[in-house]
Amino acid sequence: MPVESARGTNGSGGKEHGPLPDSCLDQIFRDARTHNAWQDKDVPDELLHELIDLVKLGPTSANCSPARFLFVKSGEAKLKLKAHLSETNVAKTMAAPVCAIIGYDLDFYEYLPRLFPHTDAKSWFAGDDKKIFETAFRNDTLQGAYLILAARALGLDCGPMSGFDNAGVDRTFFSGTNVKSNFLCDLGYGDPSVLKRRSPRFSFDEMARIL
């Protein structure tokens, strides 16, 4: 049965969504690769706005939304970032149309009265530095993953990476805030001609169990 005809209502006014077509799953997962070489093709600012409009809808605990994204796009900003990159990450990141710095705001709980207004969620975190860090880092990492999937869904390729001086990036790009860098992700339109064979993956039985 076609996907569209398999959809109905869920009884609460929404739609029951069937599986995405294989073409969509191919684009987001099966055929998607981590790219290190880039076509000379601009990523419009409007597309980055569309990207964030998707990312922000992904779930986080208590809607805490700790991720803060900096899209390093201009030549001046790239030179500032270059100083903090590991040697192996310089060429590919300078060639990428955009490099996203995925950071997490340790003051995220201050926004909970607005983002999670039906209870006093701010009090769950205030004064508990360990819980603040764990919650911010965990949920920011989730939002960084949403960024990758949303970017692929919008037709962009991604090159997520570590390999940089976090403290240096924080001083340069997040000075005066309580935002800390997590990881980087180059964004653009990759050059598939230089891709290597996909690395092996675990089988289901090696990485999962059904209890």
C-alpha atoms as a PDB file:
ATOM      1  CA  MET A   1       0.000   0.000   0.000  1.00  0.00           C
ATOM      2  CA  PRO A   2       1.440   3.440  -0.858  1.00  0.00           C
ATOM      3  CA  VAL A   3       2.672   5.432   2.113  1.00  0.00           C
ATOM      4  CA  GLU A   4       0.190   8.257   1.658  1.00  0.00           C
ATOM      5  CA  SER A   5      -2.845   5.973   1.539  1.00  0.00           C
ATOM      6  CA  ALA A   6      -1.692   4.218   4.711  1.00  0.00           C
ATOM      7  CA  ARG A   7      -2.044   7.409   6.715  1.00  0.00           C
ATOM      8  CA  GLY A   8      -5.139   8.147   8.730  1.00  0.00           C
ATOM      9  CA  THR A   9      -6.086  10.042  11.832  1.00  0.00           C
ATOM     10  CA  ASN A  10      -4.817   9.061  15.254  1.00  0.00           C
ATOM     11  CA  GLY A  11      -8.039   9.940  17.009  1.00  0.00           C
ATOM     12  CA  SER A  12      -6.687  13.150  18.516  1.00  0.00           C
ATOM     13  CA  GLY A  13      -6.925  15.374  15.483  1.00  0.00           C
ATOM     14  CA  GLY A  14      -3.472  14.556  14.130  1.00  0.00           C
ATOM     15  CA  LYS A  15      -2.258  12.234  11.423  1.00  0.00           C
ATOM     16  CA  GLU A  16      -0.866   8.770  11.731  1.00  0.00           C
ATOM     17  CA  HIS A  17       2.364   8.866   9.744  1.00  0.00           C
ATOM     18  CA  GLY A  18       3.615   5.829   7.910  1.00  0.00           C
ATOM     19  CA  PRO A  19       7.255   5.182   7.076  1.00  0.00           C
ATOM     20  CA  LEU A  20       9.097   7.675   4.917  1.00  0.00           C
ATOM     21  CA  PRO A  21       9.728   6.623   1.319  1.00  0.00           C
ATOM     22  CA  ASP A  22      12.985   4.770   0.717  1.00  0.00           C
ATOM     23  CA  SER A  23      14.300   7.774  -1.194  1.00  0.00           C
ATOM     24  CA  CYS A  24      14.075   9.886   1.977  1.00  0.00           C
ATOM     25  CA  LEU A  25      15.676   7.209   4.150  1.00  0.00           C
ATOM     26  CA  ASP A  26      18.445   6.857   1.571  1.00  0.00           C
ATOM     27  CA  GLN A  27      19.123  10.601   1.645  1.00  0.00           C
ATOM     28  CA  ILE A  28      19.180  10.882   5.432  1.00  0.00           C
ATOM     29  CA  PHE A  29      20.802   7.552   6.343  1.00  0.00           C
ATOM     30  CA  ARG A  30      21.669   4.877   3.791  1.00  0.00           C
ATOM     31  CA  ASP A  31      23.421   6.994   1.170  1.00  0.00           C
ATOM     32  CA  ALA A  32      24.481   9.833   3.460  1.00  0.00           C
ATOM     33  CA  ARG A  33      28.180  10.048   4.216  1.00  0.00           C
ATOM     34  CA  THR A  34      30.562  12.170   6.265  1.00  0.00           C
ATOM     35  CA  HIS A  35      32.153  14.595   3.812  1.00  0.00           C
ATOM     36  CA  ASN A  36      35.646  16.070   3.930  1.00  0.00           C
ATOM     37  CA  ALA A  37      35.748  17.688   0.469  1.00  0.00           C
ATOM     38  CA  TRP A  38      33.341  20.334  -0.735  1.00  0.00           C
ATOM     39  CA  GLN A  39      31.945  21.793  -3.909  1.00  0.00           C
ATOM     40  CA  ASP A  40      32.301  25.523  -4.391  1.00  0.00           C
ATOM     41  CA  LYS A  41      28.614  26.130  -3.788  1.00  0.00           C
ATOM     42  CA  ASP A  42      27.127  28.619  -1.344  1.00  0.00           C
ATOM     43  CA  VAL A  43      24.779  27.713   1.476  1.00  0.00           C
ATOM     44  CA  PRO A  44      22.238  30.566   1.628  1.00  0.00           C
ATOM     45  CA  ASP A  45      21.497  32.181   4.982  1.00  0.00           C
ATOM     46  CA  GLU A  46      17.819  31.411   4.402  1.00  0.00           C
ATOM     47  CA  LEU A  47      18.618  27.695   4.355  1.00  0.00           C
ATOM     48  CA  LEU A  48      20.390  27.989   7.712  1.00  0.00           C
ATOM     49  CA  HIS A  49      17.276  29.638   9.152  1.00  0.00           C
ATOM     50  CA  GLU A  50      15.183  26.776   7.767  1.00  0.00           C
ATOM     51  CA  LEU A  51      17.630  24.321   9.306  1.00  0.00           C
ATOM     52  CA  ILE A  52      17.266  25.789  12.789  1.00  0.00           C
ATOM     53  CA  ASP A  53      13.478  25.883  12.422  1.00  0.00           C
ATOM     54  CA  LEU A  54      13.622  22.085  12.061  1.00  0.00           C
ATOM     55  CA  VAL A  55      16.280  21.430  14.700  1.00  0.00           C
ATOM     56  CA  LYS A  56      14.422  23.293  17.428  1.00  0.00           C
ATOM     57  CA  LEU A  57      11.454  20.913  17.108  1.00  0.00           C
ATOM     58  CA  GLY A  58      13.462  17.864  18.193  1.00  0.00           C
ATOM     59  CA  PRO A  59      12.766  16.699  21.760  1.00  0.00           C
ATOM     60  CA  THR A  60      14.932  17.676  24.723  1.00  0.00           C
ATOM     61  CA  SER A  61      14.308  16.947  28.391  1.00  0.00           C
ATOM     62  CA  ALA A  62      11.833  19.479  29.809  1.00  0.00           C
ATOM     63  CA  ASN A  63      12.195  21.299  26.473  1.00  0.00           C
ATOM     64  CA  CYS A  64      15.446  22.682  27.903  1.00  0.00           C
ATOM     65  CA  SER A  65      16.939  23.381  24.439  1.00  0.00           C
ATOM     66  CA  PRO A  66      20.515  24.098  25.579  1.00  0.00           C
ATOM     67  CA  ALA A  67      22.096  24.080  22.110  1.00  0.00           C
ATOM     68  CA  ARG A  68      23.505  27.296  20.712  1.00  0.00           C
ATOM     69  CA  PHE A  69      24.669  27.269  17.101  1.00  0.00           C
ATOM     70  CA  LEU A  70      27.210  29.560  15.472  1.00  0.00           C
ATOM     71  CA  PHE A  71      27.431  29.274  11.693  1.00  0.00           C
ATOM     72  CA  VAL A  72      30.964  30.263  10.759  1.00  0.00           C
ATOM     73  CA  LYS A  73      30.625  31.430   7.169  1.00  0.00           C
ATOM     74  CA  SER A  74      32.555  34.638   6.478  1.00  0.00           C
ATOM     75  CA  GLY A  75      36.247  34.639   5.658  1.00  0.00           C
ATOM     76  CA  GLU A  76      37.011  36.650   8.781  1.00  0.00           C
ATOM     77  CA  ALA A  77      35.167  34.220  11.052  1.00  0.00           C
ATOM     78  CA  LYS A  78      36.814  31.220   9.384  1.00  0.00           C
ATOM     79  CA  LEU A  79      40.271  32.658  10.065  1.00  0.00           C
ATOM     80  CA  LYS A  80      39.369  33.013  13.747  1.00  0.00           C
ATOM     81  CA  LEU A  81      38.222  29.394  13.833  1.00  0.00           C
ATOM     82  CA  LYS A  82      41.266  28.169  11.894  1.00  0.00           C
ATOM     83  CA  ALA A  83      43.569  29.103  14.763  1.00  0.00           C
ATOM     84  CA  HIS A  84      41.838  26.536  16.995  1.00  0.00           C
ATOM     85  CA  LEU A  85      41.565  23.601  14.580  1.00  0.00           C
ATOM     86  CA  SER A  86      43.672  20.478  14.623  1.00  0.00           C
ATOM     87  CA  GLU A  87      45.981  20.330  11.610  1.00  0.00           C
ATOM     88  CA  THR A  88      43.985  17.536   9.943  1.00  0.00           C
ATOM     89  CA  ASN A  89      40.789  19.598  10.110  1.00  0.00           C
ATOM     90  CA  VAL A  90      42.091  22.884   8.691  1.00  0.00           C
ATOM     91  CA  ALA A  91      41.885  22.352   4.941  1.00  0.00           C
ATOM     92  CA  LYS A  92      38.449  20.740   4.860  1.00  0.00           C
ATOM     93  CA  THR A  93      36.908  23.259   7.244  1.00  0.00           C
ATOM     94  CA  MET A  94      38.338  26.251   5.403  1.00  0.00           C
ATOM     95  CA  ALA A  95      36.935  24.787   2.155  1.00  0.00           C
ATOM     96  CA  ALA A  96      33.480  24.108   3.579  1.00  0.00           C
ATOM     97  CA  PRO A  97      30.880  26.804   2.858  1.00  0.00           C
ATOM     98  CA  VAL A  98      29.848  26.785   6.539  1.00  0.00           C
ATOM     99  CA  CYS A  99      31.157  25.326   9.774  1.00  0.00           C
ATOM    100  CA  ALA A 100      28.632  25.042  12.580  1.00  0.00           C
ATOM    101  CA  ILE A 101      29.908  25.342  16.126  1.00  0.00           C
ATOM    102  CA  ILE A 102      27.541  23.339  18.298  1.00  0.00           C
ATOM    103  CA  GLY A 103      27.638  24.741  21.819  1.00  0.00           C
ATOM    104  CA  TYR A 104      25.646  24.259  25.000  1.00  0.00           C
ATOM    105  CA  ASP A 105      24.415  27.015  27.297  1.00  0.00           C
ATOM    106  CA  LEU A 106      24.995  26.243  30.971  1.00  0.00           C
ATOM    107  CA  ASP A 107      22.407  28.917  31.766  1.00  0.00           C
ATOM    108  CA  PHE A 108      19.719  26.978  29.887  1.00  0.00           C
ATOM    109  CA  TYR A 109      17.627  26.533  33.042  1.00  0.00           C
ATOM    110  CA  GLU A 110      17.071  30.284  33.278  1.00  0.00           C
ATOM    111  CA  TYR A 111      14.799  29.960  30.224  1.00  0.00           C
ATOM    112  CA  LEU A 112      12.677  27.118  31.577  1.00  0.00           C
ATOM    113  CA  PRO A 113       9.909  29.410  32.899  1.00  0.00           C
ATOM    114  CA  ARG A 114       9.357  30.356  29.257  1.00  0.00           C
ATOM    115  CA  LEU A 115      10.072  26.999  27.582  1.00  0.00           C
ATOM    116  CA  PHE A 116       8.456  24.694  30.175  1.00  0.00           C
ATOM    117  CA  PRO A 117       5.930  27.005  31.848  1.00  0.00           C
ATOM    118  CA  HIS A 118       3.543  24.495  33.383  1.00  0.00           C
ATOM    119  CA  THR A 119       5.852  23.675  36.309  1.00  0.00           C
ATOM    120  CA  ASP A 120       8.811  25.166  38.185  1.00  0.00           C
ATOM    121  CA  ALA A 121      11.474  23.285  36.230  1.00  0.00           C
ATOM    122  CA  LYS A 122      14.110  25.942  36.900  1.00  0.00           C
ATOM    123  CA  SER A 123      14.259  24.820  40.534  1.00  0.00           C
ATOM    124  CA  TRP A 124      15.291  21.330  39.402  1.00  0.00           C
ATOM    125  CA  PHE A 125      18.650  22.720  38.298  1.00  0.00           C
ATOM    126  CA  ALA A 126      19.452  25.953  40.129  1.00  0.00           C
ATOM    127  CA  GLY A 127      22.519  25.445  42.317  1.00  0.00           C
ATOM    128  CA  ASP A 128      23.272  21.913  41.051  1.00  0.00           C
ATOM    129  CA  ASP A 129      26.276  22.362  38.770  1.00  0.00           C
ATOM    130  CA  LYS A 130      26.669  18.643  38.074  1.00  0.00           C
ATOM    131  CA  LYS A 131      23.061  18.267  36.966  1.00  0.00           C
ATOM    132  CA  ILE A 132      23.266  21.464  34.920  1.00  0.00           C
ATOM    133  CA  PHE A 133      26.315  20.231  33.023  1.00  0.00           C
ATOM    134  CA  GLU A 134      25.015  16.705  32.458  1.00  0.00           C
ATOM    135  CA  THR A 135      21.650  17.953  31.222  1.00  0.00           C
ATOM    136  CA  ALA A 136      23.135  20.650  29.005  1.00  0.00           C
ATOM    137  CA  PHE A 137      25.764  18.400  27.443  1.00  0.00           C
ATOM    138  CA  ARG A 138      23.423  15.440  26.876  1.00  0.00           C
ATOM    139  CA  ASN A 139      20.655  17.471  25.302  1.00  0.00           C
ATOM    140  CA  ASP A 140      23.014  19.636  23.277  1.00  0.00           C
ATOM    141  CA  THR A 141      24.521  16.486  21.805  1.00  0.00           C
ATOM    142  CA  LEU A 142      21.010  15.375  20.890  1.00  0.00           C
ATOM    143  CA  GLN A 143      20.362  18.707  19.209  1.00  0.00           C
ATOM    144  CA  GLY A 144      23.651  18.450  17.350  1.00  0.00           C
ATOM    145  CA  ALA A 145      22.497  15.100  15.986  1.00  0.00           C
ATOM    146  CA  TYR A 146      19.202  16.678  14.972  1.00  0.00           C
ATOM    147  CA  LEU A 147      21.227  19.287  13.098  1.00  0.00           C
ATOM    148  CA  ILE A 148      22.937  16.585  11.043  1.00  0.00           C
ATOM    149  CA  LEU A 149      19.698  14.788  10.195  1.00  0.00           C
ATOM    150  CA  ALA A 150      17.832  18.014   9.413  1.00  0.00           C
ATOM    151  CA  ALA A 151      20.686  19.266   7.229  1.00  0.00           C
ATOM    152  CA  ARG A 152      20.655  16.031   5.244  1.00  0.00           C
ATOM    153  CA  ALA A 153      16.877  16.252   4.916  1.00  0.00           C
ATOM    154  CA  LEU A 154      17.311  19.738   3.416  1.00  0.00           C
ATOM    155  CA  GLY A 155      19.825  18.497   0.869  1.00  0.00           C
ATOM    156  CA  LEU A 156      23.022  19.496   2.658  1.00  0.00           C
ATOM    157  CA  ASP A 157      25.995  17.272   3.391  1.00  0.00           C
ATOM    158  CA  CYS A 158      27.704  17.193   6.770  1.00  0.00           C
ATOM    159  CA  GLY A 159      31.186  16.713   8.172  1.00  0.00           C
ATOM    160  CA  PRO A 160      30.895  16.450  11.964  1.00  0.00           C
ATOM    161  CA  MET A 161      34.154  16.425  13.908  1.00  0.00           C
ATOM    162  CA  SER A 162      36.021  16.987  17.102  1.00  0.00           C
ATOM    163  CA  GLY A 163      39.712  17.802  16.747  1.00  0.00           C
ATOM    164  CA  PHE A 164      39.806  21.409  17.918  1.00  0.00           C
ATOM    165  CA  ASP A 165      40.739  23.450  20.969  1.00  0.00           C
ATOM    166  CA  ASN A 166      37.470  23.797  22.862  1.00  0.00           C
ATOM    167  CA  ALA A 167      38.839  26.379  25.270  1.00  0.00           C
ATOM    168  CA  GLY A 168      40.184  28.473  22.409  1.00  0.00           C
ATOM    169  CA  VAL A 169      36.891  28.320  20.521  1.00  0.00           C
ATOM    170  CA  ASP A 170      35.032  29.288  23.688  1.00  0.00           C
ATOM    171  CA  ARG A 171      37.296  32.306  24.249  1.00  0.00           C
ATOM    172  CA  THR A 172      36.996  33.441  20.640  1.00  0.00           C
ATOM    173  CA  PHE A 173      33.325  32.814  19.932  1.00  0.00           C
ATOM    174  CA  PHE A 174      31.518  32.570  23.290  1.00  0.00           C
ATOM    175  CA  SER A 175      33.314  35.163  25.394  1.00  0.00           C
ATOM    176  CA  GLY A 176      31.061  36.810  27.965  1.00  0.00           C
ATOM    177  CA  THR A 177      28.554  33.950  27.901  1.00  0.00           C
ATOM    178  CA  ASN A 178      28.132  30.656  29.703  1.00  0.00           C
ATOM    179  CA  VAL A 179      28.128  28.739  26.406  1.00  0.00           C
ATOM    180  CA  LYS A 180      30.709  25.974  25.883  1.00  0.00           C
ATOM    181  CA  SER A 181      31.599  24.291  22.598  1.00  0.00           C
ATOM    182  CA  ASN A 182      30.730  20.634  22.079  1.00  0.00           C
ATOM    183  CA  PHE A 183      31.644  19.701  18.499  1.00  0.00           C
ATOM    184  CA  LEU A 184      31.897  21.151  14.997  1.00  0.00           C
ATOM    185  CA  CYS A 185      30.050  20.254  11.819  1.00  0.00           C
ATOM    186  CA  ASP A 186      31.021  21.394   8.341  1.00  0.00           C
ATOM    187  CA  LEU A 187      28.001  22.010   6.116  1.00  0.00           C
ATOM    188  CA  GLY A 188      27.691  22.320   2.383  1.00  0.00           C
ATOM    189  CA  TYR A 189      27.531  20.216  -0.740  1.00  0.00           C
ATOM    190  CA  GLY A 190      30.092  17.442  -0.596  1.00  0.00           C
ATOM    191  CA  ASP A 191      32.262  16.146  -3.406  1.00  0.00           C
ATOM    192  CA  PRO A 192      31.257  12.480  -3.738  1.00  0.00           C
ATOM    193  CA  SER A 193      34.144  11.680  -6.100  1.00  0.00           C
ATOM    194  CA  VAL A 194      36.650  11.503  -3.234  1.00  0.00           C
ATOM    195  CA  LEU A 195      34.598   9.416  -0.817  1.00  0.00           C
ATOM    196  CA  LYS A 196      36.103   6.163   0.389  1.00  0.00           C
ATOM    197  CA  ARG A 197      34.130   2.973   0.861  1.00  0.00           C
ATOM    198  CA  ARG A 198      31.780   3.201   3.837  1.00  0.00           C
ATOM    199  CA  SER A 199      33.357   1.815   6.996  1.00  0.00           C
ATOM    200  CA  PRO A 200      31.833  -1.346   8.494  1.00  0.00           C
ATOM    201  CA  ARG A 201      28.941  -1.204  10.921  1.00  0.00           C
ATOM    202  CA  PHE A 202      27.844  -3.602  13.657  1.00  0.00           C
ATOM    203  CA  SER A 203      25.093  -6.115  12.984  1.00  0.00           C
ATOM    204  CA  PHE A 204      21.862  -5.894  14.977  1.00  0.00           C
ATOM    205  CA  ASP A 205      22.929  -8.669  17.348  1.00  0.00           C
ATOM    206  CA  GLU A 206      26.228  -6.935  18.077  1.00  0.00           C
ATOM    207  CA  MET A 207      24.654  -3.657  19.139  1.00  0.00           C
ATOM    208  CA  ALA A 208      21.073  -4.359  20.169  1.00  0.00           C
ATOM    209  CA  ARG A 209      18.835  -6.757  22.043  1.00  0.00           C
ATOM    210  CA  ILE A 210      15.086  -7.105  22.297  1.00  0.00           C
ATOM    211  CA  LEU A 211      13.991  -8.005  25.843  1.00  0.00           C
END
